[in-house]
Amino acid sequence: MAVADDDLDEGQEDGGGYQPSAATGLNRVVKILIYVALGAVGVIVMSVIAYYVARFASAQQYKEVASIAVVKPPPPLESFNFSEDFRVNTNDRGESHFIKLKLSLGFEMGNKALSAELAQRMPQLRNIINLILAGKSRDELTTIQGQLELREEIKASINHVLSEGKVEEVYFSEFIVN
């Protein structure tokens, strides 16, 4: 028996103990299965959380939309149309550009006195609008912001000379900058 004990002692010194090779392969497979199972559980948990967060967010959005008050649109305006187009050269240096536009003025419905005043002051209004347009450059008029500012400038300048009421809107039915 002494020989068998020596063989056993030598095996412990070389490999640090007896480990069957089949158990090592089994341990590796079990670890991989545990990692896969944990990953699947993680994906399921994330999906459930995402589902409930989405439901909560959509419910909150519906509550916000439901609380918005419905506002009546403003009443329609009566309009004063200029019979002729406005054609003016721009204020650009070096290059020659021009503006062509058709313009209407919107004012309170039923204000006959203002309608008559606009018709009577048409040459004066055309002059005011031509001067404003002539002071603009092509770059100022090619953007939406520039066109909105032009509308407000025309409205303020025209309202300055009117005595029977105020123009509420300026409408461009045609707006060409070349």
Protein backbone atom coordinates (compact mmCIF):
# COMPACT_ATOMS: atom_id res chain seq x y z
CA MET A 1 0.00 0.00 0.00
CA ALA A 2 2.88 2.24 0.37
CA VAL A 3 3.27 2.43 -3.38
CA ALA A 4 -0.35 3.45 -3.87
CA ASP A 5 -0.05 6.16 -1.21
CA ASP A 6 3.03 7.52 -2.92
CA ASP A 7 1.25 7.68 -6.28
CA LEU A 8 -1.64 9.49 -4.63
CA ASP A 9 0.68 11.97 -2.93
CA GLU A 10 2.47 12.69 -6.21
CA GLY A 11 -0.83 13.42 -7.96
CA GLN A 12 -1.72 15.95 -5.30
CA GLU A 13 1.62 17.72 -5.57
CA ASP A 14 1.46 18.04 -9.39
CA GLY A 15 -2.15 19.08 -10.03
CA GLY A 16 -3.29 20.32 -6.66
CA GLY A 17 -5.83 17.52 -6.23
CA TYR A 18 -7.86 15.14 -8.28
CA GLN A 19 -10.48 16.77 -10.53
CA PRO A 20 -12.44 14.74 -13.00
CA SER A 21 -12.43 16.18 -16.53
CA ALA A 22 -16.14 15.51 -17.12
CA ALA A 23 -17.12 17.70 -14.14
CA THR A 24 -15.07 20.64 -15.47
CA GLY A 25 -16.93 20.59 -18.81
CA LEU A 26 -20.24 20.31 -16.96
CA ASN A 27 -19.40 23.34 -14.77
CA ARG A 28 -18.62 25.46 -17.85
CA VAL A 29 -21.95 24.55 -19.53
CA VAL A 30 -23.86 25.32 -16.32
CA LYS A 31 -22.18 28.75 -16.08
CA ILE A 32 -23.07 29.55 -19.70
CA LEU A 33 -26.69 28.49 -19.13
CA ILE A 34 -26.87 30.68 -16.02
CA TYR A 35 -25.54 33.69 -17.96
CA VAL A 36 -28.01 33.11 -20.80
CA ALA A 37 -30.88 32.75 -18.32
CA LEU A 38 -29.86 35.98 -16.53
CA GLY A 39 -29.64 37.79 -19.87
CA ALA A 40 -33.11 36.57 -20.88
CA VAL A 41 -34.56 37.64 -17.53
CA GLY A 42 -32.90 41.05 -17.94
CA VAL A 43 -34.42 41.52 -21.40
CA ILE A 44 -37.86 40.53 -20.12
CA VAL A 45 -37.60 42.93 -17.17
CA MET A 46 -36.50 45.79 -19.47
CA SER A 47 -39.38 45.07 -21.86
CA VAL A 48 -41.94 45.13 -19.04
CA ILE A 49 -40.53 48.41 -17.70
CA ALA A 50 -40.54 49.98 -21.19
CA TYR A 51 -44.15 48.89 -21.71
CA TYR A 52 -45.36 50.49 -18.48
CA VAL A 53 -43.36 53.68 -19.06
CA ALA A 54 -44.85 53.99 -22.56
CA ARG A 55 -48.38 53.48 -21.19
CA PHE A 56 -47.80 56.10 -18.52
CA ALA A 57 -46.35 58.60 -21.02
CA SER A 58 -49.22 58.16 -23.47
CA ALA A 59 -51.76 58.57 -20.66
CA GLN A 60 -50.05 61.80 -19.59
CA GLN A 61 -50.01 63.09 -23.16
CA TYR A 62 -53.73 62.37 -23.52
CA LYS A 63 -54.42 64.26 -20.30
CA GLU A 64 -52.49 67.27 -21.61
CA VAL A 65 -54.31 67.24 -24.96
CA ALA A 66 -57.68 66.85 -23.24
CA SER A 67 -57.02 69.92 -21.06
CA ILE A 68 -56.39 72.28 -23.99
CA ALA A 69 -59.27 74.70 -24.34
CA VAL A 70 -60.82 75.10 -27.75
CA VAL A 71 -60.59 78.72 -28.83
CA LYS A 72 -62.86 80.20 -31.44
CA PRO A 73 -61.09 81.45 -34.55
CA PRO A 74 -61.03 85.21 -34.96
CA PRO A 75 -63.88 86.71 -36.97
CA PRO A 76 -63.27 87.17 -40.68
CA LEU A 77 -61.90 90.49 -41.79
CA GLU A 78 -63.09 92.70 -44.58
CA SER A 79 -60.37 93.28 -47.12
CA PHE A 80 -59.24 96.18 -49.22
CA ASN A 81 -57.44 95.07 -52.39
CA PHE A 82 -55.02 97.27 -54.26
CA SER A 83 -55.98 97.18 -57.92
CA GLU A 84 -52.43 97.26 -59.27
CA ASP A 85 -49.32 95.25 -58.40
CA PHE A 86 -46.42 96.82 -56.56
CA ARG A 87 -43.19 96.67 -58.60
CA VAL A 88 -40.16 98.21 -56.96
CA ASN A 89 -36.38 97.87 -57.28
CA THR A 90 -34.64 96.65 -54.12
CA ASN A 91 -32.01 98.53 -52.16
CA ASP A 92 -29.22 96.14 -53.22
CA ARG A 93 -25.87 97.57 -54.28
CA GLY A 94 -24.08 96.07 -57.26
CA GLU A 95 -26.86 93.76 -58.41
CA SER A 96 -30.23 94.79 -59.71
CA HIS A 97 -33.24 93.06 -58.11
CA PHE A 98 -36.92 93.89 -57.98
CA ILE A 99 -39.97 93.06 -55.92
CA LYS A 100 -43.39 92.31 -57.36
CA LEU A 101 -46.27 91.79 -55.00
CA LYS A 102 -50.03 91.94 -54.73
CA LEU A 103 -51.28 93.29 -51.46
CA SER A 104 -54.54 93.35 -49.51
CA LEU A 105 -55.36 94.99 -46.21
CA GLY A 106 -57.64 93.33 -43.66
CA PHE A 107 -59.76 95.40 -41.28
CA GLU A 108 -62.79 95.04 -39.04
CA MET A 109 -65.89 93.77 -40.82
CA GLY A 110 -68.54 96.44 -41.49
CA ASN A 111 -66.30 99.48 -41.03
CA LYS A 112 -67.54 101.43 -44.06
CA ALA A 113 -65.80 104.62 -42.96
CA LEU A 114 -62.40 102.89 -42.99
CA SER A 115 -63.16 101.29 -46.36
CA ALA A 116 -63.96 104.72 -47.81
CA GLU A 117 -60.84 106.25 -46.23
CA LEU A 118 -58.61 103.50 -47.69
CA ALA A 119 -60.10 104.12 -51.16
CA GLN A 120 -59.63 107.88 -50.78
CA ARG A 121 -56.02 107.55 -49.55
CA MET A 122 -54.95 104.93 -52.10
CA PRO A 123 -52.23 107.09 -53.73
CA GLN A 124 -50.81 107.97 -50.32
CA LEU A 125 -50.88 104.31 -49.21
CA ARG A 126 -49.23 103.16 -52.44
CA ASN A 127 -46.47 105.73 -51.88
CA ILE A 128 -45.89 104.54 -48.29
CA ILE A 129 -45.70 100.92 -49.40
CA ASN A 130 -43.39 101.71 -52.34
CA LEU A 131 -41.00 103.61 -50.03
CA ILE A 132 -40.91 100.73 -47.56
CA LEU A 133 -40.26 98.20 -50.34
CA ALA A 134 -37.54 100.35 -51.93
CA GLY A 135 -35.67 100.39 -48.63
CA LYS A 136 -35.44 96.60 -48.44
CA SER A 137 -32.70 94.37 -49.82
CA ARG A 138 -33.22 91.05 -51.55
CA ASP A 139 -31.74 89.16 -48.59
CA GLU A 140 -34.19 90.78 -46.18
CA LEU A 141 -37.17 89.70 -48.26
CA THR A 142 -36.25 86.13 -49.17
CA THR A 143 -36.79 84.76 -45.64
CA ILE A 144 -40.11 84.13 -43.93
CA GLN A 145 -38.99 86.25 -40.98
CA GLY A 146 -38.19 89.13 -43.33
CA GLN A 147 -41.62 88.91 -44.97
CA LEU A 148 -43.36 88.86 -41.58
CA GLU A 149 -41.40 91.93 -40.51
CA LEU A 150 -42.34 93.65 -43.79
CA ARG A 151 -46.03 92.96 -43.11
CA GLU A 152 -45.77 94.48 -39.65
CA GLU A 153 -43.87 97.53 -40.95
CA ILE A 154 -46.47 98.15 -43.68
CA LYS A 155 -49.32 97.75 -41.17
CA ALA A 156 -47.76 100.19 -38.66
CA SER A 157 -46.98 102.79 -41.34
CA ILE A 158 -50.48 102.66 -42.82
CA ASN A 159 -52.17 102.77 -39.40
CA HIS A 160 -50.15 105.90 -38.62
CA VAL A 161 -52.01 107.89 -41.32
CA LEU A 162 -55.51 106.44 -40.87
CA SER A 163 -58.16 108.18 -38.77
CA GLU A 164 -61.30 106.01 -39.22
CA GLY A 165 -59.93 102.72 -37.90
CA LYS A 166 -56.93 100.42 -38.03
CA VAL A 167 -55.66 97.81 -40.45
CA GLU A 168 -55.43 94.50 -38.60
CA GLU A 169 -53.71 92.35 -41.23
CA VAL A 170 -51.61 92.72 -44.36
CA TYR A 171 -51.99 89.89 -46.88
CA PHE A 172 -49.60 89.07 -49.73
CA SER A 173 -51.46 87.25 -52.47
CA GLU A 174 -48.34 87.27 -54.66
CA PHE A 175 -44.77 87.87 -53.52
CA ILE A 176 -41.88 87.67 -56.00
CA VAL A 177 -38.30 88.77 -55.36
CA ASN A 178 -35.98 88.53 -58.33
